[in-house]
Every structure is written in structure tokens, then in C-alpha cells.
Amino acid sequence: MRLFTALVIYRFVLPLVFVAAFPGWVVKMLRRGGLTTRLGERVAIYSLPIDHEPSGVVHIHAVSVGESMLALKLIRAWQVEEPGRRFVLSTGTATGHAVASGANIHGLRVTYSPLDFPSMVRRYLDRFEPSQVVLIEGEAWPHLLLECSRRNIPVRLVNARMSPRSARRFQRFASWLRPIYRQLDAVAIQEPEDAAIWEMLGVAAPKIHHTGSLKFDPGSGHRPTRRNEFQEMLDAIGQNRPVILAASTHPGEDAWIVRAICEACPEALAVLVPRHAERRADVKAELEAAGHQVVLRSSFSTRSLANPHAGIQPVFVVDSTGELADWTAHADVVVIGKSFLSVGGQNPCEAILAGKPVVFGPHMENFQPLADRLVASGGAISAGDQNELAQALTKALDPDHARAMTAHATALIQAHDGATQRILAVLAQENSGSF
């Protein structure tokens, strides 16, 4: 009865949310170039002939760029174990679709995930007939789960994460959510203490597997690598200068972080990598209003540096998608975005894997267990305000302090070594709905 009532409410609210969100969604797609892709797939309308589609293969659902990159990491590891295995990767954003399409993985079909309306989900499943569905991190859509259950298609959630804020919200509505989450055939969690929240949401204890984090696994996937073309750009702006990189910045943070960088080390080169590349115009305007010369990676040329403003240090803005990991390899210190003036934080793992000292703000809710352990072990510095950020950067630039930080952080990340293989072991039982 509670499932029936929850579905009635959901089916009433979903169209209203869709209509309200549609204009903003179109604007985002225009900014990100998504309107040139097969957007009909969002409503389960396809242009490819059905006999060209991979039928009966593993489907992986990943919404954002970050989740798409995790999905690609999982697919590559799976294909090492089973060469020739085919996959369908469905994404929810244009940038995620672009990253997945640009990966050039043989045997991978990239599509958009259908909106969670019953008719669209049914058309999607009728077309592809997946052998199993793998959800990355948290995209558990009710109609998809229920329709897969009806068709005996196993659904597994991997790299499952639940921020304290989300956990409190989910706990409040747990009795309504249990009938939905009970449909999951397995949940691979990052930390052992996360098991309690998933049991509360109705997932049976034998279906919950502590695998560690796919994101934090240092033993598989692409590791940050220095690129000659990146170093040439940095040298053209200013050779032999400390590089302080702000990763995945959000609105309001850019000039704020640069101000702290200038206070900590006036000779340093500030490199900003906005979370969304389409913010480039806003970031540029904000920095120029604060008195900085801005060099964009997308329009970089030595001519753009021919007439530098006297006495003004340039700020380099990396307005590209999918390059962040390799840019961190060129930094001396990495500042984690969305952790100072916003809520949630971004992933510090790429910087740690690159062997760089990490500084973040007080808002790392999406990575709270890891952030707390990093600070407690001396593997990262948490700064509460702009003055503290400047002081933290000064510490992190000290070579001895930097070596100690990176050693502690790397040791902590090693706890997740092998997570990818443990996740693959959970997914290997694809024809069974139980463990």
C-alpha cells in the first residue's frame, strides 16, 4: 500500500518538476553544446535502427561528468578481464555524454538515459534488453527500478555514497523510500559505516558489500600525467613560478580563491579549472573586475600574452572538459572547489594520486569521511576563511610540509586499493538477483 501511495505521489510530482525545470535544462544544453546530440534519446526516441543496437549487454547509468568518468574507469577494467565485452553507457548531461563519446572505447554505445516516465523506461528496456543495470553512486530512479524488477533484470548500485545531509533527509522519509530501494539487487559501499543507512532504506544486509571507492582506487584507471602541451602553456605565462591550482570551482569562488593565492604567494601562478567550462565568460568577467589579466585555455596563444598588463599577474583559466586530472600533475598545491562558498565539496582524490598537497574549505559534505580522515592524519589542510586559506597555502608550498602531507594522504588512499576489482566481483554475478 505504501509503495502504491508513493508511486501515485511521484507520478503526480514528476511531470510538474519536468515542466518547471525544462527551460533551465534547455539553457544548460545550449551552453554545453548538447542540443547537437541525440536528445530524442532522453524521451526514448532513437535514430539508429534497432538491429544496430547492442542487445543483452551490461548497461551503466551515470549522470554527470564525474560519474561518467567513473563508469569509463569501470568499463576499461572490466574489458581487461573480459576482452570484447560490450557495454551501453547512458548519461544524463551533455558534458557527460561528450566525455563518454570521446573515450573511444571499442564496443561502447553511448546514449542518454531516458527520463523516468513509465512509457519511456519501457521503450528503453524493450530496445536494449540489458543483462543487468549498474547505477553509479546514487541514481536510483523508481520506475527504472520497478520495471527492471518486473523483467528480472538485476540492478546494482556501485560506489554508493550518502552525505550526512542526504542521510538525514532520507531517514526522514525512509518508510516511503524502502519499497523502491528494496528493488536493488546489490549495493557496493565505499565505507563500512555506510551499511547502516542502506539497511535502513530497505536493502538486505547480504546485498550490501563494502568494496571501497572506485573513485579513490589508486591501482586502476588513468593516473594524473604531466603533458608537454600543458607545461608549454604554463611556461609561456611564466616560467619557474609555483603553480596553485583551484580544482572544480563554482560561482563566487574564483576571484575569492585567487585573492588568497596572491596573499599567500604573490609570485605564484593561479590556475583555475571551473567545474563547468561554459562558465568561462562569467569567470573571466569576475576576475577582470577584480583587477586580474585572464588567459583562457580555449583561446590560448602566445599572441594573447604579447602585451601583458604591467604589474598584473595573469590568471590561467582552464575552460575545458575532462582534463582536470592531468592539470593537477602540473600543480604545486591543489585547492578543492565548492568547499568554501558552496556546499558539498569536490573530489580530492585526483590531486592526491598526482602527489600534490591538498587544501579545502569547511564544506566537504559529499566527501566527509575521507575529508575528516585526511585532516586528522595531516594529509590535507582545512581552511575556514580567506585568511586561513592563505596561511594554508603558505604551509603547503613549503617542500618539507608538502612531502609530509602527500605521504599521509597517499597512505590513506591506499585503503581503497583494489576497490575496482571488488566491485567487478559483485557485478560478475549478473544473472542472479541475490548473493
Protein backbone atom coordinates (compact mmCIF):
# COMPACT_ATOMS: atom_id res chain seq x y z
CA MET A 1 0.00 0.00 0.00
CA ARG A 2 2.82 2.41 0.86
CA LEU A 3 4.51 1.66 -2.49
CA PHE A 4 1.27 2.38 -4.33
CA THR A 5 0.81 5.68 -2.49
CA ALA A 6 4.45 6.68 -3.03
CA LEU A 7 4.16 5.99 -6.76
CA VAL A 8 0.94 8.00 -7.03
CA ILE A 9 2.67 10.99 -5.40
CA TYR A 10 5.80 10.51 -7.53
CA ARG A 11 3.81 10.27 -10.77
CA PHE A 12 1.93 13.44 -9.89
CA VAL A 13 5.06 15.42 -8.95
CA LEU A 14 7.39 14.20 -11.73
CA PRO A 15 5.63 15.99 -14.66
CA LEU A 16 5.42 19.20 -12.62
CA VAL A 17 9.14 19.08 -11.86
CA PHE A 18 9.90 18.34 -15.52
CA VAL A 19 7.85 21.30 -16.77
CA ALA A 20 9.39 23.65 -14.20
CA ALA A 21 12.94 22.50 -14.94
CA PHE A 22 12.64 22.29 -18.72
CA PRO A 23 13.54 25.93 -19.62
CA GLY A 24 16.66 25.88 -17.42
CA TRP A 25 17.63 22.49 -18.81
CA VAL A 26 17.43 23.81 -22.39
CA VAL A 27 19.63 26.78 -21.47
CA LYS A 28 22.22 24.42 -19.94
CA MET A 29 22.17 22.21 -23.02
CA LEU A 30 22.67 25.23 -25.28
CA ARG A 31 25.64 26.37 -23.21
CA ARG A 32 27.17 22.90 -23.20
CA GLY A 33 26.52 22.10 -26.86
CA GLY A 34 24.17 19.26 -26.02
CA LEU A 35 21.41 20.24 -28.46
CA THR A 36 23.53 18.89 -31.32
CA THR A 37 23.49 15.37 -29.83
CA ARG A 38 20.72 12.76 -29.97
CA LEU A 39 18.49 14.42 -27.38
CA GLY A 40 15.49 12.39 -28.52
CA GLU A 41 17.03 9.54 -26.55
CA ARG A 42 16.05 11.41 -23.35
CA VAL A 43 12.45 10.56 -24.22
CA ALA A 44 13.38 7.11 -25.62
CA ILE A 45 13.18 8.12 -29.29
CA TYR A 46 16.10 6.70 -31.25
CA SER A 47 17.54 7.41 -34.68
CA LEU A 48 19.65 4.26 -35.05
CA PRO A 49 17.99 1.13 -36.49
CA ILE A 50 17.17 -1.25 -33.65
CA ASP A 51 19.14 -4.09 -35.23
CA HIS A 52 22.28 -1.94 -34.87
CA GLU A 53 21.88 -1.76 -31.10
CA PRO A 54 23.79 -4.00 -28.65
CA SER A 55 21.16 -6.21 -27.05
CA GLY A 56 21.61 -8.20 -23.86
CA VAL A 57 24.71 -6.34 -22.59
CA VAL A 58 25.54 -4.55 -19.34
CA HIS A 59 24.06 -1.06 -19.05
CA ILE A 60 25.76 1.53 -16.86
CA HIS A 61 23.90 4.69 -15.81
CA ALA A 62 26.00 7.76 -15.00
CA VAL A 63 24.57 11.27 -14.91
CA SER A 64 27.36 13.81 -14.53
CA VAL A 65 30.86 14.14 -15.97
CA GLY A 66 32.40 12.75 -12.79
CA GLU A 67 30.10 9.72 -12.77
CA SER A 68 30.70 9.15 -16.48
CA MET A 69 34.45 9.09 -15.88
CA LEU A 70 33.96 6.54 -13.10
CA ALA A 71 31.84 4.44 -15.46
CA LEU A 72 34.58 4.58 -18.09
CA LYS A 73 37.14 3.51 -15.48
CA LEU A 74 34.95 0.53 -14.56
CA ILE A 75 34.38 -0.41 -18.21
CA ARG A 76 38.09 -0.33 -19.03
CA ALA A 77 38.90 -2.55 -16.05
CA TRP A 78 36.09 -4.95 -17.00
CA GLN A 79 37.33 -5.19 -20.58
CA VAL A 80 40.82 -6.07 -19.33
CA GLU A 81 39.29 -9.09 -17.59
CA GLU A 82 36.85 -9.85 -20.41
CA PRO A 83 38.17 -8.53 -23.74
CA GLY A 84 35.45 -7.96 -26.27
CA ARG A 85 32.66 -7.43 -23.73
CA ARG A 86 30.25 -4.74 -24.91
CA PHE A 87 28.52 -2.06 -22.85
CA VAL A 88 25.88 0.64 -23.04
CA LEU A 89 26.65 3.80 -21.05
CA SER A 90 23.73 6.15 -20.53
CA THR A 91 24.34 9.68 -19.29
CA GLY A 92 22.12 12.49 -18.08
CA THR A 93 24.08 15.55 -19.18
CA ALA A 94 25.59 16.82 -22.42
CA THR A 95 29.04 17.11 -20.85
CA GLY A 96 28.84 13.57 -19.51
CA HIS A 97 27.75 12.39 -22.97
CA ALA A 98 30.66 14.22 -24.59
CA VAL A 99 33.23 12.73 -22.21
CA ALA A 100 31.87 9.21 -22.73
CA SER A 101 31.66 9.60 -26.51
CA GLY A 102 35.20 10.94 -26.66
CA ALA A 103 36.62 7.97 -24.74
CA ASN A 104 36.76 5.88 -27.94
CA ILE A 105 36.24 2.58 -26.14
CA HIS A 106 35.61 -0.30 -28.55
CA GLY A 107 32.24 -1.92 -28.02
CA LEU A 108 30.75 1.00 -26.09
CA ARG A 109 27.40 2.50 -27.11
CA VAL A 110 26.80 5.91 -25.51
CA THR A 111 23.23 7.08 -25.15
CA TYR A 112 21.18 9.42 -22.99
CA SER A 113 19.33 7.85 -20.09
CA PRO A 114 15.56 8.12 -20.52
CA LEU A 115 13.52 10.35 -18.28
CA ASP A 116 11.89 8.29 -15.54
CA PHE A 117 8.42 8.18 -17.08
CA PRO A 118 6.99 4.63 -17.28
CA SER A 119 6.47 4.60 -21.07
CA MET A 120 9.98 5.93 -21.74
CA VAL A 121 11.61 3.43 -19.40
CA ARG A 122 9.70 0.58 -21.06
CA ARG A 123 10.76 1.68 -24.56
CA TYR A 124 14.36 1.92 -23.40
CA LEU A 125 14.32 -1.59 -21.91
CA ASP A 126 12.41 -3.03 -24.88
CA ARG A 127 15.06 -1.68 -27.21
CA PHE A 128 18.21 -2.75 -25.37
CA GLU A 129 17.10 -5.68 -23.17
CA PRO A 130 20.04 -5.22 -20.78
CA SER A 131 21.53 -8.20 -18.96
CA GLN A 132 21.96 -6.03 -15.89
CA VAL A 133 21.85 -2.34 -14.98
CA VAL A 134 24.66 -0.74 -12.99
CA LEU A 135 23.97 2.59 -11.30
CA ILE A 136 26.91 4.85 -10.42
CA GLU A 137 26.86 6.47 -6.95
CA GLY A 138 23.17 7.18 -6.41
CA GLU A 139 20.88 7.45 -9.42
CA ALA A 140 18.09 5.13 -8.26
CA TRP A 141 15.01 6.08 -10.30
CA PRO A 142 11.74 4.44 -9.14
CA HIS A 143 10.22 3.48 -12.50
CA LEU A 144 13.52 2.13 -13.80
CA LEU A 145 13.99 0.00 -10.68
CA LEU A 146 10.44 -1.32 -10.68
CA GLU A 147 10.37 -2.11 -14.40
CA CYS A 148 13.73 -3.90 -14.17
CA SER A 149 12.41 -5.90 -11.23
CA ARG A 150 9.33 -6.88 -13.22
CA ARG A 151 11.57 -8.12 -16.06
CA ASN A 152 14.05 -9.89 -13.72
CA ILE A 153 16.89 -7.55 -14.79
CA PRO A 154 19.37 -7.24 -11.89
CA VAL A 155 20.11 -3.67 -10.79
CA ARG A 156 23.28 -2.93 -8.79
CA LEU A 157 24.36 0.35 -7.27
CA VAL A 158 28.15 0.78 -7.09
CA ASN A 159 30.35 3.36 -5.42
CA ALA A 160 27.27 4.20 -3.38
CA ARG A 161 27.68 7.32 -1.31
CA MET A 162 25.42 9.17 1.07
CA SER A 163 26.39 12.54 2.50
CA PRO A 164 25.32 13.23 6.11
CA ARG A 165 22.84 15.78 4.80
CA SER A 166 21.29 13.30 2.37
CA ALA A 167 21.26 10.60 5.03
CA ARG A 168 19.25 12.80 7.38
CA ARG A 169 16.78 13.65 4.63
CA PHE A 170 16.45 10.02 3.53
CA GLN A 171 15.99 8.88 7.12
CA ARG A 172 13.04 11.22 7.48
CA PHE A 173 11.30 9.58 4.51
CA ALA A 174 12.73 6.07 4.90
CA SER A 175 9.36 4.34 5.19
CA TRP A 176 8.34 5.76 1.79
CA LEU A 177 11.68 5.02 0.13
CA ARG A 178 12.12 1.42 1.33
CA PRO A 179 9.81 -0.13 -1.29
CA ILE A 180 11.94 1.50 -4.01
CA TYR A 181 15.43 0.78 -2.66
CA ARG A 182 14.38 -2.76 -1.79
CA GLN A 183 14.44 -3.43 -5.54
CA LEU A 184 18.24 -3.14 -5.66
CA ASP A 185 20.00 -6.48 -6.05
CA ALA A 186 23.29 -5.26 -4.61
CA VAL A 187 24.87 -2.11 -3.21
CA ALA A 188 28.66 -1.63 -3.21
CA ILE A 189 29.50 0.90 -0.49
CA GLN A 190 32.65 2.98 -0.06
CA GLU A 191 32.92 2.94 3.74
CA PRO A 192 31.79 0.21 6.19
CA GLU A 193 29.82 2.67 8.31
CA ASP A 194 27.58 3.40 5.29
CA ALA A 195 25.96 -0.04 5.62
CA ALA A 196 23.54 1.15 8.31
CA ILE A 197 21.88 3.80 6.11
CA TRP A 198 21.33 1.35 3.25
CA GLU A 199 19.83 -1.24 5.61
CA MET A 200 17.54 1.48 6.93
CA LEU A 201 16.47 2.14 3.32
CA GLY A 202 15.41 -1.48 2.90
CA VAL A 203 18.46 -3.14 1.33
CA ALA A 204 19.02 -6.54 2.96
CA ALA A 205 22.37 -6.87 4.74
CA PRO A 206 23.63 -9.74 2.50
CA LYS A 207 23.18 -7.47 -0.53
CA ILE A 208 25.46 -4.75 0.90
CA HIS A 209 29.16 -5.10 0.04
CA HIS A 210 32.00 -2.96 1.37
CA THR A 211 34.26 -2.59 -1.66
CA GLY A 212 35.96 0.75 -1.08
CA SER A 213 35.74 3.59 -3.55
CA LEU A 214 36.06 3.18 -7.30
CA LYS A 215 36.94 6.87 -7.34
CA PHE A 216 39.73 6.53 -4.80
CA ASP A 217 41.21 3.24 -6.03
CA PRO A 218 44.83 4.13 -6.86
CA GLY A 219 45.59 0.84 -8.57
CA SER A 220 43.40 1.13 -11.66
CA GLY A 221 42.37 3.66 -14.23
CA HIS A 222 44.13 6.72 -15.55
CA ARG A 223 46.54 8.36 -13.15
CA PRO A 224 47.29 12.09 -13.46
CA THR A 225 50.05 12.55 -16.03
CA ARG A 226 52.05 15.58 -17.00
CA ARG A 227 51.56 16.68 -20.62
CA ASN A 228 54.14 18.61 -22.61
CA GLU A 229 51.47 20.85 -24.15
CA PHE A 230 50.23 21.84 -20.70
CA GLN A 231 53.73 22.65 -19.45
CA GLU A 232 54.41 24.75 -22.55
CA MET A 233 51.33 26.87 -21.78
CA LEU A 234 52.39 27.34 -18.17
CA ASP A 235 55.96 28.23 -19.20
CA ALA A 236 54.66 30.75 -21.73
CA ILE A 237 52.73 32.53 -18.98
CA GLY A 238 55.66 32.48 -16.57
CA GLN A 239 58.48 30.02 -16.07
CA ASN A 240 59.71 28.77 -12.70
CA ARG A 241 56.71 30.02 -10.79
CA PRO A 242 54.82 27.99 -8.17
CA VAL A 243 51.53 26.76 -9.61
CA ILE A 244 48.49 26.81 -7.32
CA LEU A 245 45.53 25.12 -8.99
CA ALA A 246 41.92 25.57 -7.87
CA ALA A 247 40.00 22.48 -9.00
CA SER A 248 36.31 22.39 -9.93
CA THR A 249 35.47 25.90 -8.77
CA HIS A 250 31.86 27.05 -8.50
CA PRO A 251 30.30 30.51 -8.92
CA GLY A 252 31.65 33.08 -6.47
CA GLU A 253 34.81 31.15 -5.61
CA ASP A 254 37.11 32.13 -8.45
CA ALA A 255 38.22 35.64 -7.54
CA TRP A 256 37.87 34.75 -3.84
CA ILE A 257 40.43 31.94 -4.12
CA VAL A 258 42.75 33.96 -6.36
CA ARG A 259 42.83 36.73 -3.76
CA ALA A 260 44.05 34.22 -1.16
CA ILE A 261 46.64 32.85 -3.60
CA CYS A 262 48.02 36.35 -4.22
CA GLU A 263 48.22 36.99 -0.48
CA ALA A 264 49.99 33.70 0.21
CA CYS A 265 52.45 33.84 -2.68
CA PRO A 266 52.38 36.90 -4.96
CA GLU A 267 54.73 35.27 -7.48
CA ALA A 268 52.58 32.14 -7.84
CA LEU A 269 50.59 31.39 -10.99
CA ALA A 270 46.92 30.88 -10.16
CA VAL A 271 45.30 28.23 -12.37
CA LEU A 272 41.52 27.87 -12.16
CA VAL A 273 39.60 24.88 -13.50
CA PRO A 274 35.88 25.74 -13.29
CA ARG A 275 33.56 22.80 -12.67
CA HIS A 276 31.56 23.78 -15.75
CA ALA A 277 33.55 25.07 -18.72
CA GLU A 278 30.59 27.09 -20.02
CA ARG A 279 31.11 29.47 -17.08
CA ARG A 280 34.21 30.83 -18.83
CA ALA A 281 32.67 34.23 -19.65
CA ASP A 282 31.43 34.75 -16.08
CA VAL A 283 34.74 33.64 -14.59
CA LYS A 284 36.68 35.93 -16.91
CA ALA A 285 34.45 38.91 -16.11
CA GLU A 286 34.68 38.26 -12.35
CA LEU A 287 38.47 38.05 -12.41
CA GLU A 288 38.90 41.09 -14.65
CA ALA A 289 36.62 43.08 -12.36
CA ALA A 290 38.96 42.12 -9.52
CA GLY A 291 41.90 43.52 -11.49
CA HIS A 292 43.41 40.36 -12.98
CA GLN A 293 44.53 39.62 -16.52
CA VAL A 294 42.84 36.42 -17.69
CA VAL A 295 44.23 33.84 -20.09
CA LEU A 296 41.74 31.22 -21.31
CA ARG A 297 42.94 27.75 -22.21
CA SER A 298 40.34 27.55 -25.02
CA SER A 299 41.81 30.58 -26.81
CA PHE A 300 45.40 30.26 -25.66
CA SER A 301 48.12 31.58 -27.93
CA THR A 302 51.44 33.27 -27.36
CA ARG A 303 49.89 36.35 -29.01
CA SER A 304 47.45 36.60 -26.13
CA LEU A 305 50.47 37.10 -23.86
CA ALA A 306 52.26 39.59 -26.12
CA ASN A 307 51.01 42.65 -24.24
CA PRO A 308 50.78 41.75 -20.56
CA HIS A 309 49.44 44.39 -18.23
CA ALA A 310 52.32 45.93 -16.29
CA GLY A 311 52.45 44.72 -12.70
CA ILE A 312 49.41 42.44 -13.10
CA GLN A 313 49.94 38.72 -12.71
CA PRO A 314 47.84 36.74 -15.19
CA VAL A 315 45.37 34.08 -14.05
CA PHE A 316 45.12 30.99 -16.24
CA VAL A 317 41.58 29.60 -16.64
CA VAL A 318 41.35 26.02 -17.92
CA ASP A 319 37.94 26.13 -19.60
CA SER A 320 37.96 22.58 -20.94
CA THR A 321 36.27 19.29 -20.03
CA GLY A 322 37.95 16.06 -18.97
CA GLU A 323 41.47 17.48 -18.47
CA LEU A 324 41.48 18.23 -14.75
CA ALA A 325 43.40 15.12 -13.66
CA ASP A 326 46.36 15.87 -15.90
CA TRP A 327 46.40 19.56 -14.98
CA THR A 328 46.77 18.60 -11.30
CA ALA A 329 50.03 16.85 -12.22
CA HIS A 330 51.49 20.28 -13.04
CA ALA A 331 50.46 21.94 -9.77
CA ASP A 332 52.46 22.56 -6.61
CA VAL A 333 49.32 22.83 -4.48
CA VAL A 334 45.68 21.98 -5.28
CA VAL A 335 42.72 23.84 -3.76
CA ILE A 336 39.43 21.92 -3.86
CA GLY A 337 36.47 23.90 -5.19
CA LYS A 338 32.87 24.03 -3.95
CA SER A 339 34.19 23.74 -0.42
CA PHE A 340 34.40 27.40 0.64
CA LEU A 341 31.38 29.39 -0.55
CA SER A 342 29.14 26.47 -1.52
CA VAL A 343 28.14 23.12 -0.03
CA GLY A 344 29.29 19.63 -0.91
CA GLY A 345 32.91 19.91 -2.00
CA GLN A 346 34.63 18.16 -4.88
CA ASN A 347 36.79 15.08 -5.14
CA PRO A 348 40.34 15.50 -3.76
CA CYS A 349 41.50 12.09 -4.98
CA GLU A 350 42.98 13.15 -8.33
CA ALA A 351 45.27 15.63 -6.60
CA ILE A 352 46.32 13.00 -4.05
CA LEU A 353 47.04 10.47 -6.80
CA ALA A 354 49.14 13.16 -8.50
CA GLY A 355 51.19 13.51 -5.29
CA LYS A 356 50.09 17.07 -4.59
CA PRO A 357 49.27 18.68 -1.22
CA VAL A 358 45.56 19.42 -0.89
CA VAL A 359 43.74 22.33 0.75
CA PHE A 360 39.96 22.58 1.02
CA GLY A 361 37.31 24.58 2.82
CA PRO A 362 34.83 23.68 5.58
CA HIS A 363 32.19 22.29 3.18
CA MET A 364 33.28 18.83 2.06
CA GLU A 365 29.97 17.16 2.88
CA ASN A 366 29.98 14.90 -0.20
CA PHE A 367 33.38 13.52 0.85
CA GLN A 368 33.06 13.91 4.62
CA PRO A 369 34.58 10.65 5.87
CA LEU A 370 37.59 11.00 3.56
CA ALA A 371 38.00 14.74 4.27
CA ASP A 372 37.88 14.19 8.04
CA ARG A 373 40.47 11.42 7.85
CA LEU A 374 42.74 13.47 5.61
CA VAL A 375 42.76 16.38 8.06
CA ALA A 376 43.16 14.12 11.11
CA SER A 377 46.13 12.32 9.54
CA GLY A 378 47.83 15.50 8.32
CA GLY A 379 47.14 14.56 4.71
CA ALA A 380 45.26 17.79 3.93
CA ILE A 381 44.58 21.22 5.41
CA SER A 382 41.08 22.56 6.01
CA ALA A 383 40.75 26.35 5.88
CA GLY A 384 37.69 28.13 7.23
CA ASP A 385 38.05 31.53 5.58
CA GLN A 386 40.20 33.53 3.18
CA ASN A 387 42.93 34.33 5.73
CA GLU A 388 43.14 30.69 6.76
CA LEU A 389 43.32 29.66 3.10
CA ALA A 390 46.28 31.98 2.52
CA GLN A 391 48.02 30.58 5.61
CA ALA A 392 47.29 27.00 4.47
CA LEU A 393 48.74 27.70 1.03
CA THR A 394 51.90 29.10 2.58
CA LYS A 395 52.29 25.89 4.61
CA ALA A 396 51.53 23.62 1.66
CA LEU A 397 54.14 25.37 -0.50
CA ASP A 398 56.86 24.51 1.99
CA PRO A 399 58.63 21.46 0.47
CA ASP A 400 59.01 19.55 3.76
CA HIS A 401 55.41 20.16 4.76
CA ALA A 402 54.20 19.23 1.26
CA ARG A 403 56.10 15.91 1.34
CA ALA A 404 54.59 15.01 4.71
CA MET A 405 51.06 15.89 3.55
CA THR A 406 51.29 13.87 0.36
CA ALA A 407 52.75 10.86 2.19
CA HIS A 408 49.90 10.83 4.74
CA ALA A 409 47.24 11.34 2.05
CA THR A 410 48.64 8.62 -0.18
CA ALA A 411 48.69 6.15 2.73
CA LEU A 412 45.03 6.91 3.40
CA ILE A 413 44.03 6.40 -0.23
CA GLN A 414 45.78 3.02 -0.27
CA ALA A 415 42.93 1.67 1.86
CA HIS A 416 40.82 1.77 -1.33
CA ASP A 417 43.37 -0.12 -3.39
CA GLY A 418 41.62 -2.96 -5.24
CA ALA A 419 38.14 -1.42 -4.97
CA THR A 420 37.60 -1.72 -8.73
CA GLN A 421 38.24 -5.46 -8.67
CA ARG A 422 35.99 -5.93 -5.66
CA ILE A 423 33.20 -4.07 -7.46
CA LEU A 424 33.69 -6.24 -10.54
CA ALA A 425 33.36 -9.31 -8.32
CA VAL A 426 29.96 -8.04 -7.14
CA LEU A 427 28.85 -7.38 -10.72
CA ALA A 428 30.12 -10.71 -12.05
CA GLN A 429 27.00 -12.49 -10.79
CA GLU A 430 24.93 -10.71 -13.39
CA ASN A 431 22.39 -13.46 -13.91
CA SER A 432 21.47 -13.75 -10.27
CA GLY A 433 19.31 -11.37 -8.30
CA SER A 434 20.70 -12.46 -4.94
CA PHE A 435 24.01 -13.19 -3.25
